[in-house]
Amino acid sequence: MRLFIQNMVSMRCKLVVISILNTYGLSYKAVELGEVELLDPINDQTRNLLKASLHESGLELLSSEKSILIERVINIIVDMVHHSSEVPKVNMSTFISEKAHMDYHRLSDLFSRTKGVTIEHFIILHKVERIKELIMYDDLNLSEIADKMHYSSLAHMSRQFKQITGLTPSFFKHMSKRTRSNIEDL
């Protein structure tokens, strides 16, 4: 039996879900971002308890096909941008369409109507958030970050970053290095 869970976007979320499943003695085959495969079906009472426990942790058990599909697309994007270093061998629309098992145009229309943003813009927003993380880690220079994030050039990455944040990556890097002053030092 498959369950779909909204807002499950990190390893920490997976650990929370595993803990909740163990609390109710539910055996599972797999726990992935946004999706759990249980070994056995659950009854309505257990489903409601599971739903309440997930909700307390900021997660939502999904039931409608539309919300499940949107969450699947979100998790594909989050996994691709934040957790994968591989470049898809096909363009993004084909990659997402294949992973979601649905025509991209229908998927894109549903996503835009539901989330109020296009899939492309959603990807850019996540890429910018990932770039911010990489800048703050300070392990890579900006050219290396552009390469890691699969941009064709540093200039392309910088343009997208500035469009979203209003700042250049260089300025953001400078700002993130500033240390806070103690109130006594002011």
N, C-alpha and C. Protein backbone atom coordinates (compact mmCIF):
# COMPACT_ATOMS: atom_id res chain seq x y z
N MET A 1 0.85 -1.18 0.00
CA MET A 1 0.00 0.00 0.00
C MET A 1 0.90 1.24 0.00
N ARG A 2 0.58 2.18 -0.89
CA ARG A 2 1.36 3.42 -1.00
C ARG A 2 0.63 4.57 -0.30
N LEU A 3 1.41 5.35 0.44
CA LEU A 3 0.91 6.57 1.06
C LEU A 3 1.74 7.73 0.53
N PHE A 4 1.09 8.85 0.33
CA PHE A 4 1.78 10.03 -0.15
C PHE A 4 1.69 11.11 0.91
N ILE A 5 2.85 11.73 1.19
CA ILE A 5 2.95 12.67 2.30
C ILE A 5 3.49 14.00 1.81
N GLN A 6 2.74 15.06 2.10
CA GLN A 6 3.12 16.41 1.70
C GLN A 6 4.14 16.99 2.67
N ASN A 7 5.04 17.84 2.14
CA ASN A 7 6.07 18.55 2.90
C ASN A 7 7.22 17.65 3.36
N MET A 8 7.31 16.46 2.83
CA MET A 8 8.38 15.54 3.19
C MET A 8 9.52 15.75 2.20
N VAL A 9 10.45 16.65 2.55
CA VAL A 9 11.46 17.08 1.58
C VAL A 9 12.90 16.92 2.04
N SER A 10 13.12 16.24 3.15
CA SER A 10 14.50 16.11 3.64
C SER A 10 14.68 14.78 4.35
N MET A 11 15.93 14.47 4.64
CA MET A 11 16.24 13.25 5.40
C MET A 11 15.61 13.31 6.79
N ARG A 12 15.59 14.50 7.37
CA ARG A 12 14.99 14.66 8.70
C ARG A 12 13.50 14.29 8.66
N CYS A 13 12.82 14.71 7.58
CA CYS A 13 11.40 14.36 7.41
C CYS A 13 11.24 12.85 7.30
N LYS A 14 12.14 12.21 6.55
CA LYS A 14 12.07 10.75 6.42
C LYS A 14 12.21 10.08 7.77
N LEU A 15 13.12 10.59 8.60
CA LEU A 15 13.32 10.01 9.92
C LEU A 15 12.09 10.20 10.81
N VAL A 16 11.44 11.35 10.69
CA VAL A 16 10.21 11.60 11.46
C VAL A 16 9.14 10.60 11.03
N VAL A 17 8.98 10.42 9.72
CA VAL A 17 7.96 9.49 9.21
C VAL A 17 8.26 8.07 9.67
N ILE A 18 9.51 7.64 9.60
CA ILE A 18 9.89 6.30 10.05
C ILE A 18 9.56 6.12 11.53
N SER A 19 9.84 7.13 12.32
CA SER A 19 9.53 7.08 13.75
C SER A 19 8.03 6.93 13.99
N ILE A 20 7.23 7.69 13.24
CA ILE A 20 5.77 7.61 13.39
C ILE A 20 5.27 6.24 12.95
N LEU A 21 5.79 5.72 11.84
CA LEU A 21 5.39 4.38 11.39
C LEU A 21 5.73 3.34 12.44
N ASN A 22 6.90 3.44 13.04
CA ASN A 22 7.31 2.50 14.08
C ASN A 22 6.42 2.61 15.31
N THR A 23 6.00 3.83 15.64
CA THR A 23 5.11 4.05 16.79
C THR A 23 3.82 3.25 16.65
N TYR A 24 3.30 3.18 15.43
CA TYR A 24 2.05 2.46 15.19
C TYR A 24 2.28 1.02 14.74
N GLY A 25 3.54 0.57 14.77
CA GLY A 25 3.85 -0.81 14.40
C GLY A 25 3.59 -1.11 12.94
N LEU A 26 3.74 -0.11 12.08
CA LEU A 26 3.48 -0.30 10.66
C LEU A 26 4.78 -0.71 9.95
N SER A 27 4.73 -1.83 9.27
CA SER A 27 5.88 -2.31 8.51
C SER A 27 5.89 -1.67 7.14
N TYR A 28 7.06 -1.30 6.69
CA TYR A 28 7.17 -0.61 5.40
C TYR A 28 8.28 -1.23 4.57
N LYS A 29 8.09 -1.12 3.27
CA LYS A 29 9.10 -1.59 2.33
C LYS A 29 10.08 -0.47 2.00
N ALA A 30 9.53 0.75 1.84
CA ALA A 30 10.38 1.89 1.48
C ALA A 30 9.78 3.18 2.02
N VAL A 31 10.67 4.11 2.38
CA VAL A 31 10.28 5.46 2.77
C VAL A 31 11.13 6.40 1.93
N GLU A 32 10.50 7.07 0.98
CA GLU A 32 11.18 8.01 0.09
C GLU A 32 10.58 9.39 0.30
N LEU A 33 11.19 10.40 -0.32
CA LEU A 33 10.64 11.75 -0.20
C LEU A 33 9.22 11.76 -0.74
N GLY A 34 8.27 12.07 0.14
CA GLY A 34 6.88 12.21 -0.26
C GLY A 34 6.11 10.92 -0.41
N GLU A 35 6.74 9.79 -0.18
CA GLU A 35 6.07 8.52 -0.47
C GLU A 35 6.53 7.43 0.48
N VAL A 36 5.56 6.63 0.94
CA VAL A 36 5.84 5.49 1.81
C VAL A 36 5.15 4.28 1.20
N GLU A 37 5.88 3.19 1.15
CA GLU A 37 5.26 1.94 0.69
C GLU A 37 5.16 1.01 1.89
N LEU A 38 3.92 0.80 2.34
CA LEU A 38 3.67 -0.09 3.47
C LEU A 38 3.59 -1.53 2.97
N LEU A 39 3.94 -2.47 3.83
CA LEU A 39 3.84 -3.88 3.46
C LEU A 39 2.40 -4.38 3.50
N ASP A 40 1.60 -3.80 4.41
CA ASP A 40 0.21 -4.24 4.57
C ASP A 40 -0.73 -3.05 4.52
N PRO A 41 -1.98 -3.27 4.10
CA PRO A 41 -2.96 -2.18 4.13
C PRO A 41 -3.27 -1.77 5.57
N ILE A 42 -3.77 -0.55 5.74
CA ILE A 42 -4.14 -0.08 7.08
C ILE A 42 -5.63 0.23 7.10
N ASN A 43 -6.21 0.14 8.30
CA ASN A 43 -7.63 0.45 8.43
C ASN A 43 -7.83 1.95 8.62
N ASP A 44 -9.07 2.39 8.58
CA ASP A 44 -9.38 3.82 8.67
C ASP A 44 -8.94 4.42 9.99
N GLN A 45 -9.07 3.67 11.09
CA GLN A 45 -8.67 4.18 12.39
C GLN A 45 -7.16 4.44 12.43
N THR A 46 -6.37 3.50 11.94
CA THR A 46 -4.92 3.67 11.92
C THR A 46 -4.54 4.81 10.97
N ARG A 47 -5.24 4.90 9.84
CA ARG A 47 -4.98 5.98 8.88
C ARG A 47 -5.21 7.34 9.53
N ASN A 48 -6.29 7.46 10.31
CA ASN A 48 -6.59 8.74 10.98
C ASN A 48 -5.56 9.06 12.05
N LEU A 49 -5.09 8.06 12.79
CA LEU A 49 -4.04 8.27 13.79
C LEU A 49 -2.74 8.71 13.12
N LEU A 50 -2.42 8.03 12.02
CA LEU A 50 -1.22 8.36 11.26
C LEU A 50 -1.31 9.78 10.72
N LYS A 51 -2.47 10.12 10.19
CA LYS A 51 -2.69 11.47 9.64
C LYS A 51 -2.50 12.53 10.73
N ALA A 52 -3.04 12.29 11.92
CA ALA A 52 -2.92 13.25 13.02
C ALA A 52 -1.46 13.38 13.47
N SER A 53 -0.75 12.27 13.59
CA SER A 53 0.65 12.32 14.01
C SER A 53 1.52 13.03 12.99
N LEU A 54 1.28 12.76 11.71
CA LEU A 54 2.03 13.45 10.66
C LEU A 54 1.75 14.95 10.71
N HIS A 55 0.49 15.31 10.90
CA HIS A 55 0.11 16.72 10.96
C HIS A 55 0.82 17.45 12.10
N GLU A 56 0.95 16.80 13.25
CA GLU A 56 1.66 17.39 14.38
C GLU A 56 3.12 17.69 14.04
N SER A 57 3.67 16.94 13.10
CA SER A 57 5.07 17.12 12.69
C SER A 57 5.21 18.02 11.46
N GLY A 58 4.10 18.65 11.03
CA GLY A 58 4.16 19.54 9.88
C GLY A 58 4.05 18.82 8.55
N LEU A 59 3.64 17.57 8.58
CA LEU A 59 3.48 16.78 7.36
C LEU A 59 2.00 16.48 7.16
N GLU A 60 1.60 16.22 5.93
CA GLU A 60 0.20 15.95 5.64
C GLU A 60 0.07 14.68 4.82
N LEU A 61 -0.82 13.81 5.24
CA LEU A 61 -1.14 12.61 4.48
C LEU A 61 -2.10 13.01 3.36
N LEU A 62 -1.71 12.76 2.12
CA LEU A 62 -2.49 13.19 0.97
C LEU A 62 -3.49 12.12 0.56
N SER A 63 -4.63 12.58 0.03
CA SER A 63 -5.61 11.60 -0.41
C SER A 63 -6.10 11.86 -1.84
N SER A 64 -6.17 13.11 -2.28
CA SER A 64 -6.67 13.37 -3.63
C SER A 64 -5.58 13.11 -4.66
N GLU A 65 -5.98 12.64 -5.82
CA GLU A 65 -5.00 12.33 -6.88
C GLU A 65 -4.25 13.58 -7.32
N LYS A 66 -4.93 14.72 -7.38
CA LYS A 66 -4.27 15.97 -7.79
C LYS A 66 -3.17 16.34 -6.80
N SER A 67 -3.48 16.32 -5.52
CA SER A 67 -2.49 16.71 -4.52
C SER A 67 -1.32 15.73 -4.49
N ILE A 68 -1.61 14.46 -4.72
CA ILE A 68 -0.55 13.45 -4.77
C ILE A 68 0.37 13.73 -5.95
N LEU A 69 -0.21 14.03 -7.10
CA LEU A 69 0.57 14.30 -8.31
C LEU A 69 1.43 15.56 -8.14
N ILE A 70 0.86 16.62 -7.59
CA ILE A 70 1.61 17.86 -7.36
C ILE A 70 2.76 17.60 -6.39
N GLU A 71 2.50 16.86 -5.34
CA GLU A 71 3.55 16.56 -4.37
C GLU A 71 4.64 15.70 -5.01
N ARG A 72 4.26 14.80 -5.89
CA ARG A 72 5.26 13.98 -6.59
C ARG A 72 6.18 14.87 -7.43
N VAL A 73 5.60 15.85 -8.14
CA VAL A 73 6.40 16.78 -8.95
C VAL A 73 7.34 17.59 -8.06
N ILE A 74 6.83 18.08 -6.96
CA ILE A 74 7.65 18.85 -6.02
C ILE A 74 8.83 18.01 -5.54
N ASN A 75 8.56 16.77 -5.19
CA ASN A 75 9.63 15.90 -4.69
C ASN A 75 10.64 15.53 -5.77
N ILE A 76 10.18 15.40 -7.00
CA ILE A 76 11.11 15.16 -8.12
C ILE A 76 12.06 16.34 -8.24
N ILE A 77 11.50 17.55 -8.18
CA ILE A 77 12.30 18.77 -8.31
C ILE A 77 13.26 18.92 -7.13
N VAL A 78 12.77 18.74 -5.92
CA VAL A 78 13.61 18.87 -4.73
C VAL A 78 14.74 17.85 -4.78
N ASP A 79 14.43 16.62 -5.14
CA ASP A 79 15.46 15.60 -5.23
C ASP A 79 16.49 15.96 -6.30
N MET A 80 16.02 16.43 -7.45
CA MET A 80 16.90 16.77 -8.56
C MET A 80 17.81 17.95 -8.20
N VAL A 81 17.27 18.98 -7.57
CA VAL A 81 18.05 20.18 -7.28
C VAL A 81 18.91 20.04 -6.04
N HIS A 82 18.38 19.45 -4.99
CA HIS A 82 19.07 19.44 -3.69
C HIS A 82 19.84 18.17 -3.38
N HIS A 83 19.46 17.06 -4.01
CA HIS A 83 20.05 15.79 -3.59
C HIS A 83 20.76 15.02 -4.69
N SER A 84 20.74 15.50 -5.90
CA SER A 84 21.36 14.77 -7.00
C SER A 84 22.46 15.61 -7.64
N SER A 85 23.53 14.95 -7.98
CA SER A 85 24.60 15.68 -8.66
C SER A 85 24.61 15.34 -10.15
N GLU A 86 23.75 14.42 -10.56
CA GLU A 86 23.68 14.03 -11.97
C GLU A 86 22.84 15.01 -12.77
N VAL A 87 23.25 15.24 -13.99
CA VAL A 87 22.47 16.05 -14.92
C VAL A 87 21.53 15.10 -15.64
N PRO A 88 20.22 15.41 -15.64
CA PRO A 88 19.32 14.55 -16.42
C PRO A 88 19.78 14.49 -17.88
N LYS A 89 19.69 13.32 -18.47
CA LYS A 89 20.15 13.13 -19.84
C LYS A 89 19.16 13.68 -20.86
N VAL A 90 17.99 14.08 -20.40
CA VAL A 90 16.97 14.68 -21.26
C VAL A 90 16.61 16.05 -20.67
N ASN A 91 15.83 16.84 -21.39
CA ASN A 91 15.47 18.15 -20.85
C ASN A 91 14.56 17.99 -19.62
N MET A 92 14.45 19.05 -18.85
CA MET A 92 13.72 18.99 -17.57
C MET A 92 12.27 18.54 -17.74
N SER A 93 11.60 19.06 -18.76
CA SER A 93 10.19 18.70 -18.95
C SER A 93 10.03 17.21 -19.21
N THR A 94 10.89 16.65 -20.03
CA THR A 94 10.83 15.21 -20.31
C THR A 94 11.17 14.42 -19.05
N PHE A 95 12.19 14.85 -18.32
CA PHE A 95 12.61 14.18 -17.10
C PHE A 95 11.46 14.13 -16.09
N ILE A 96 10.83 15.27 -15.86
CA ILE A 96 9.73 15.34 -14.88
C ILE A 96 8.54 14.52 -15.37
N SER A 97 8.22 14.63 -16.64
CA SER A 97 7.11 13.88 -17.23
C SER A 97 7.32 12.38 -17.07
N GLU A 98 8.52 11.91 -17.35
CA GLU A 98 8.82 10.48 -17.22
C GLU A 98 8.74 10.02 -15.77
N LYS A 99 9.29 10.82 -14.86
CA LYS A 99 9.27 10.45 -13.44
C LYS A 99 7.85 10.46 -12.86
N ALA A 100 7.02 11.41 -13.32
CA ALA A 100 5.65 11.53 -12.80
C ALA A 100 4.66 10.65 -13.57
N HIS A 101 5.11 10.08 -14.68
CA HIS A 101 4.27 9.23 -15.53
C HIS A 101 3.03 9.97 -16.02
N MET A 102 3.25 11.18 -16.54
CA MET A 102 2.14 11.98 -17.05
C MET A 102 2.64 12.95 -18.10
N ASP A 103 1.78 13.28 -19.04
CA ASP A 103 2.10 14.25 -20.08
C ASP A 103 2.49 15.58 -19.44
N TYR A 104 3.59 16.15 -19.89
CA TYR A 104 4.12 17.36 -19.27
C TYR A 104 3.16 18.54 -19.36
N HIS A 105 2.47 18.70 -20.49
CA HIS A 105 1.58 19.85 -20.65
C HIS A 105 0.42 19.79 -19.65
N ARG A 106 -0.14 18.61 -19.45
CA ARG A 106 -1.21 18.46 -18.45
C ARG A 106 -0.65 18.68 -17.05
N LEU A 107 0.53 18.14 -16.81
CA LEU A 107 1.19 18.28 -15.52
C LEU A 107 1.50 19.74 -15.23
N SER A 108 2.04 20.44 -16.22
CA SER A 108 2.40 21.84 -16.07
C SER A 108 1.17 22.70 -15.79
N ASP A 109 0.10 22.44 -16.51
CA ASP A 109 -1.15 23.19 -16.31
C ASP A 109 -1.70 22.97 -14.90
N LEU A 110 -1.75 21.73 -14.46
CA LEU A 110 -2.24 21.40 -13.12
C LEU A 110 -1.36 22.04 -12.05
N PHE A 111 -0.05 21.95 -12.23
CA PHE A 111 0.89 22.52 -11.26
C PHE A 111 0.70 24.03 -11.16
N SER A 112 0.62 24.71 -12.30
CA SER A 112 0.47 26.17 -12.30
C SER A 112 -0.84 26.60 -11.64
N ARG A 113 -1.93 25.90 -11.96
CA ARG A 113 -3.22 26.25 -11.36
C ARG A 113 -3.23 25.99 -9.85
N THR A 114 -2.56 24.94 -9.43
CA THR A 114 -2.56 24.58 -8.01
C THR A 114 -1.58 25.41 -7.18
N LYS A 115 -0.35 25.56 -7.67
CA LYS A 115 0.69 26.23 -6.91
C LYS A 115 0.81 27.73 -7.21
N GLY A 116 0.23 28.19 -8.32
CA GLY A 116 0.30 29.60 -8.67
C GLY A 116 1.64 30.02 -9.24
N VAL A 117 2.43 29.04 -9.66
CA VAL A 117 3.75 29.30 -10.24
C VAL A 117 4.02 28.18 -11.24
N THR A 118 4.76 28.48 -12.30
CA THR A 118 5.07 27.44 -13.27
C THR A 118 6.12 26.47 -12.72
N ILE A 119 6.19 25.31 -13.30
CA ILE A 119 7.21 24.34 -12.90
C ILE A 119 8.59 24.93 -13.11
N GLU A 120 8.79 25.60 -14.24
CA GLU A 120 10.10 26.19 -14.54
C GLU A 120 10.52 27.19 -13.47
N HIS A 121 9.58 28.06 -13.08
CA HIS A 121 9.90 29.06 -12.05
C HIS A 121 10.16 28.37 -10.70
N PHE A 122 9.40 27.33 -10.41
CA PHE A 122 9.58 26.58 -9.18
C PHE A 122 10.98 25.96 -9.13
N ILE A 123 11.45 25.44 -10.27
CA ILE A 123 12.80 24.88 -10.34
C ILE A 123 13.83 25.97 -10.08
N ILE A 124 13.65 27.13 -10.70
CA ILE A 124 14.58 28.24 -10.51
C ILE A 124 14.62 28.67 -9.05
N LEU A 125 13.46 28.77 -8.40
CA LEU A 125 13.41 29.13 -6.98
C LEU A 125 14.23 28.15 -6.14
N HIS A 126 14.08 26.87 -6.43
CA HIS A 126 14.84 25.87 -5.67
C HIS A 126 16.33 25.91 -5.99
N LYS A 127 16.65 26.17 -7.24
CA LYS A 127 18.07 26.27 -7.59
C LYS A 127 18.71 27.45 -6.87
N VAL A 128 18.01 28.57 -6.79
CA VAL A 128 18.54 29.74 -6.09
C VAL A 128 18.72 29.43 -4.61
N GLU A 129 17.77 28.74 -4.00
CA GLU A 129 17.93 28.37 -2.59
C GLU A 129 19.15 27.46 -2.40
N ARG A 130 19.34 26.54 -3.32
CA ARG A 130 20.50 25.65 -3.24
C ARG A 130 21.80 26.44 -3.44
N ILE A 131 21.80 27.40 -4.35
CA ILE A 131 22.97 28.25 -4.56
C ILE A 131 23.29 29.02 -3.28
N LYS A 132 22.27 29.54 -2.62
CA LYS A 132 22.49 30.25 -1.35
C LYS A 132 23.19 29.34 -0.34
N GLU A 133 22.71 28.10 -0.23
CA GLU A 133 23.33 27.14 0.70
C GLU A 133 24.79 26.94 0.35
N LEU A 134 25.05 26.70 -0.93
CA LEU A 134 26.43 26.44 -1.36
C LEU A 134 27.33 27.65 -1.12
N ILE A 135 26.80 28.85 -1.33
CA ILE A 135 27.59 30.06 -1.05
C ILE A 135 27.90 30.15 0.44
N MET A 136 26.93 29.88 1.26
CA MET A 136 27.13 30.00 2.71
C MET A 136 28.07 28.93 3.24
N TYR A 137 28.10 27.74 2.62
CA TYR A 137 29.05 26.70 3.04
C TYR A 137 30.47 27.15 2.76
N ASP A 138 30.65 27.98 1.73
CA ASP A 138 31.94 28.58 1.36
C ASP A 138 33.00 27.53 0.99
N ASP A 139 32.56 26.38 0.50
CA ASP A 139 33.50 25.35 0.05
C ASP A 139 33.87 25.52 -1.42
N LEU A 140 32.97 26.14 -2.19
CA LEU A 140 33.16 26.27 -3.63
C LEU A 140 33.15 27.74 -4.03
N ASN A 141 33.90 28.08 -5.09
CA ASN A 141 33.80 29.44 -5.59
C ASN A 141 32.56 29.52 -6.50
N LEU A 142 32.22 30.71 -6.95
CA LEU A 142 30.99 30.90 -7.71
C LEU A 142 30.99 30.13 -9.03
N SER A 143 32.12 30.05 -9.70
CA SER A 143 32.20 29.28 -10.95
C SER A 143 31.96 27.80 -10.69
N GLU A 144 32.50 27.29 -9.61
CA GLU A 144 32.27 25.88 -9.25
C GLU A 144 30.81 25.63 -8.89
N ILE A 145 30.18 26.60 -8.24
CA ILE A 145 28.77 26.47 -7.90
C ILE A 145 27.93 26.46 -9.18
N ALA A 146 28.23 27.36 -10.11
CA ALA A 146 27.51 27.39 -11.39
C ALA A 146 27.63 26.05 -12.10
N ASP A 147 28.81 25.48 -12.08
CA ASP A 147 29.04 24.18 -12.71
C ASP A 147 28.27 23.08 -11.98
N LYS A 148 28.35 23.08 -10.67
CA LYS A 148 27.65 22.07 -9.86
C LYS A 148 26.13 22.13 -10.07
N MET A 149 25.63 23.34 -10.28
CA MET A 149 24.18 23.52 -10.46
C MET A 149 23.77 23.41 -11.93
N HIS A 150 24.70 23.02 -12.79
CA HIS A 150 24.45 22.73 -14.21
C HIS A 150 24.02 23.95 -15.01
N TYR A 151 24.58 25.11 -14.68
CA TYR A 151 24.35 26.31 -15.48
C TYR A 151 25.35 26.31 -16.63
N SER A 152 24.95 26.90 -17.73
CA SER A 152 25.84 26.97 -18.89
C SER A 152 27.00 27.94 -18.64
N SER A 153 26.78 28.91 -17.73
CA SER A 153 27.84 29.86 -17.41
C SER A 153 27.56 30.51 -16.06
N LEU A 154 28.59 31.13 -15.51
CA LEU A 154 28.44 31.88 -14.27
C LEU A 154 27.50 33.06 -14.49
N ALA A 155 27.58 33.69 -15.65
CA ALA A 155 26.72 34.83 -15.96
C ALA A 155 25.24 34.43 -15.94
N HIS A 156 24.93 33.26 -16.49
CA HIS A 156 23.54 32.78 -16.50
C HIS A 156 23.05 32.56 -15.07
N MET A 157 23.87 31.91 -14.25
CA MET A 157 23.51 31.69 -12.85
C MET A 157 23.31 33.03 -12.14
N SER A 158 24.22 33.96 -12.37
CA SER A 158 24.15 35.28 -11.70
C SER A 158 22.88 36.02 -12.08
N ARG A 159 22.50 35.95 -13.36
CA ARG A 159 21.26 36.62 -13.81
C ARG A 159 20.04 36.05 -13.10
N GLN A 160 19.94 34.72 -13.07
CA GLN A 160 18.79 34.11 -12.39
C GLN A 160 18.80 34.42 -10.91
N PHE A 161 19.94 34.35 -10.28
CA PHE A 161 20.07 34.63 -8.85
C PHE A 161 19.60 36.05 -8.55
N LYS A 162 20.05 37.01 -9.36
CA LYS A 162 19.68 38.41 -9.14
C LYS A 162 18.20 38.64 -9.41
N GLN A 163 17.64 37.99 -10.42
CA GLN A 163 16.20 38.13 -10.70
C GLN A 163 15.36 37.69 -9.51
N ILE A 164 15.79 36.65 -8.82
CA ILE A 164 15.01 36.11 -7.70
C ILE A 164 15.29 36.86 -6.40
N THR A 165 16.55 37.14 -6.12
CA THR A 165 16.91 37.71 -4.81
C THR A 165 17.10 39.22 -4.82
N GLY A 166 17.36 39.78 -6.01
CA GLY A 166 17.68 41.20 -6.09
C GLY A 166 19.14 41.48 -5.78
N LEU A 167 19.91 40.43 -5.51
CA LEU A 167 21.33 40.56 -5.17
C LEU A 167 22.16 39.74 -6.15
N THR A 168 23.38 40.15 -6.35
CA THR A 168 24.30 39.31 -7.12
C THR A 168 24.82 38.22 -6.20
N PRO A 169 25.25 37.09 -6.75
CA PRO A 169 25.83 36.06 -5.89
C PRO A 169 27.06 36.56 -5.13
N SER A 170 27.85 37.42 -5.77
CA SER A 170 29.04 37.96 -5.10
C SER A 170 28.65 38.79 -3.88
N PHE A 171 27.64 39.65 -4.04
CA PHE A 171 27.19 40.47 -2.92
C PHE A 171 26.60 39.59 -1.82
N PHE A 172 25.83 38.57 -2.22
CA PHE A 172 25.25 37.65 -1.24
C PHE A 172 26.37 36.94 -0.46
N LYS A 173 27.43 36.54 -1.17
CA LYS A 173 28.57 35.87 -0.53
C LYS A 173 29.22 36.83 0.47
N HIS A 174 29.39 38.08 0.06
CA HIS A 174 29.98 39.10 0.94
C HIS A 174 29.10 39.28 2.18
N MET A 175 27.79 39.36 1.98
CA MET A 175 26.85 39.55 3.10
C MET A 175 26.86 38.35 4.05
N SER A 176 26.98 37.16 3.50
CA SER A 176 26.93 35.97 4.35
C SER A 176 28.20 35.82 5.19
N LYS A 177 29.28 36.46 4.78
CA LYS A 177 30.54 36.40 5.54
C LYS A 177 30.58 37.39 6.68
N ARG A 178 29.72 38.39 6.60
CA ARG A 178 29.72 39.40 7.67
C ARG A 178 29.32 38.75 8.97
N THR A 179 29.98 39.12 10.02
CA THR A 179 29.64 38.58 11.32
C THR A 179 28.76 39.57 12.06
N ARG A 180 27.94 39.03 12.91
CA ARG A 180 27.07 39.90 13.70
C ARG A 180 27.88 40.54 14.82
N SER A 181 27.57 41.78 15.09
CA SER A 181 28.23 42.48 16.18
C SER A 181 27.46 42.23 17.47
N ASN A 182 28.20 42.11 18.54
CA ASN A 182 27.56 42.01 19.84
C ASN A 182 26.97 43.36 20.19
N ILE A 183 25.88 43.37 20.89
CA ILE A 183 25.23 44.63 21.24
C ILE A 183 26.14 45.49 22.09
N GLU A 184 27.02 44.86 22.87
CA GLU A 184 27.93 45.62 23.71
C GLU A 184 28.97 46.36 22.89
N ASP A 185 29.27 45.85 21.67
CA ASP A 185 30.28 46.46 20.82
C ASP A 185 29.76 47.63 20.01
N LEU A 186 28.47 47.87 20.03
CA LEU A 186 27.90 48.95 19.21
C LEU A 186 28.08 50.30 19.86
